[in-house]
Amino acid sequence: MSTKFSSKRPLTDEEEAEIQRMIASDPENPEWTEDDFKNARPFREVFPDLAASIDREIARRGRPPLEKTKQPVTIRLDPDLVEHYKATGKGWQSRMNDDLRKAAGI
């Protein structure tokens, strides 16, 4: 992707003119007129069946819900204990949970 135009600084008049020329030269995507904006309708209104199918697809994405979710708690632990588990790498909280379950006998 080109970094010719940066959002970090204001555009010069020449850069703005070049951008406007580029917009005007794209026949497949002309700049909208006031009438275009007035006549615009929401996607769901124009394509209700397609919108519904997209909604169903999005609802299926992600991790499925768990039967038994974990409960967030605040607990104060000795720093050396926390560092010991963190040193074991990613998933240290799950390993700590497993060790607590063993210690509790459940």
Protein backbone atom coordinates (compact mmCIF):
# COMPACT_ATOMS: atom_id res chain seq x y z
CA MET A 1 0.00 0.00 0.00
CA SER A 2 1.28 3.44 -0.88
CA THR A 3 2.20 5.84 1.89
CA LYS A 4 2.21 8.82 -0.45
CA PHE A 5 -0.62 10.51 1.46
CA SER A 6 -0.25 10.50 5.23
CA SER A 7 -2.93 11.18 7.84
CA LYS A 8 -0.18 12.46 10.14
CA ARG A 9 -0.02 15.88 8.48
CA PRO A 10 -2.37 18.16 6.57
CA LEU A 11 -2.48 17.76 2.80
CA THR A 12 -0.96 20.39 0.58
CA ASP A 13 -3.19 22.01 -2.05
CA GLU A 14 -1.36 20.03 -4.73
CA GLU A 15 -1.93 16.74 -2.91
CA GLU A 16 -5.61 17.54 -2.41
CA ALA A 17 -5.94 18.38 -6.11
CA GLU A 18 -4.26 15.08 -7.05
CA ILE A 19 -6.61 13.14 -4.79
CA GLN A 20 -9.63 14.86 -6.33
CA ARG A 21 -8.29 14.03 -9.85
CA MET A 22 -7.87 10.39 -8.81
CA ILE A 23 -11.44 10.28 -7.48
CA ALA A 24 -12.82 11.84 -10.65
CA SER A 25 -10.89 9.43 -12.87
CA ASP A 26 -12.46 6.28 -11.34
CA PRO A 27 -15.50 5.45 -13.50
CA GLU A 28 -16.48 2.45 -11.34
CA ASN A 29 -16.72 4.47 -8.16
CA PRO A 30 -17.81 8.05 -8.85
CA GLU A 31 -18.12 10.53 -6.02
CA TRP A 32 -21.65 10.63 -4.60
CA THR A 33 -23.93 13.55 -5.39
CA GLU A 34 -26.54 15.08 -3.08
CA ASP A 35 -29.20 13.03 -4.92
CA ASP A 36 -27.23 9.84 -4.31
CA PHE A 37 -27.20 10.54 -0.57
CA LYS A 38 -30.91 11.42 -0.55
CA ASN A 39 -31.84 8.19 -2.39
CA ALA A 40 -29.58 5.92 -0.33
CA ARG A 41 -31.27 3.14 1.67
CA PRO A 42 -29.86 0.81 4.32
CA PHE A 43 -28.39 -2.50 3.16
CA ARG A 44 -30.92 -4.45 5.28
CA GLU A 45 -33.77 -2.67 3.55
CA VAL A 46 -32.44 -3.27 0.03
CA PHE A 47 -31.28 -6.89 0.56
CA PRO A 48 -33.19 -8.29 3.57
CA ASP A 49 -32.56 -11.98 2.75
CA LEU A 50 -28.84 -11.46 2.25
CA ALA A 51 -28.62 -9.40 5.44
CA ALA A 52 -30.35 -12.18 7.39
CA SER A 53 -27.98 -14.82 6.01
CA ILE A 54 -24.98 -12.68 6.95
CA ASP A 55 -26.38 -12.23 10.47
CA ARG A 56 -26.71 -16.02 10.82
CA GLU A 57 -23.13 -16.52 9.61
CA ILE A 58 -21.75 -13.94 12.02
CA ALA A 59 -23.67 -15.51 14.90
CA ARG A 60 -21.86 -18.84 14.22
CA ARG A 61 -18.39 -17.31 14.34
CA GLY A 62 -16.13 -17.37 17.34
CA ARG A 63 -15.75 -19.76 20.18
CA PRO A 64 -18.89 -21.71 21.07
CA PRO A 65 -20.37 -20.90 24.49
CA LEU A 66 -19.05 -22.98 27.36
CA GLU A 67 -21.35 -25.10 29.51
CA LYS A 68 -19.55 -24.03 32.64
CA THR A 69 -17.86 -20.63 32.52
CA LYS A 70 -15.10 -19.60 34.87
CA GLN A 71 -15.76 -17.01 37.54
CA PRO A 72 -13.41 -14.02 37.71
CA VAL A 73 -12.02 -13.38 41.20
CA THR A 74 -9.48 -11.13 42.84
CA ILE A 75 -6.94 -12.94 44.97
CA ARG A 76 -3.72 -11.82 46.63
CA LEU A 77 -0.82 -14.23 46.13
CA ASP A 78 2.86 -14.12 47.02
CA PRO A 79 4.92 -12.58 44.20
CA ASP A 80 7.29 -15.55 43.98
CA LEU A 81 4.34 -17.91 43.47
CA VAL A 82 2.94 -15.78 40.65
CA GLU A 83 6.39 -15.50 39.03
CA HIS A 84 6.81 -19.28 39.27
CA TYR A 85 3.61 -19.88 37.29
CA LYS A 86 4.26 -17.05 34.82
CA ALA A 87 7.69 -18.53 34.12
CA THR A 88 5.99 -21.68 32.84
CA GLY A 89 4.72 -19.67 29.85
CA LYS A 90 1.39 -19.11 28.20
CA GLY A 91 -1.50 -20.82 29.97
CA TRP A 92 -0.04 -20.30 33.43
CA GLN A 93 -3.42 -19.31 34.86
CA SER A 94 -5.00 -22.55 33.63
CA ARG A 95 -2.14 -24.55 35.15
CA MET A 96 -2.63 -22.70 38.44
CA ASN A 97 -6.34 -23.52 38.25
CA ASP A 98 -5.54 -27.21 37.65
CA ASP A 99 -3.14 -27.29 40.61
CA LEU A 100 -5.74 -25.65 42.88
CA ARG A 101 -8.30 -28.27 41.81
CA LYS A 102 -5.83 -31.08 42.66
CA ALA A 103 -5.07 -29.50 46.04
CA ALA A 104 -8.80 -29.20 46.78
CA GLY A 105 -9.37 -32.79 45.71
CA ILE A 106 -11.90 -31.96 43.02
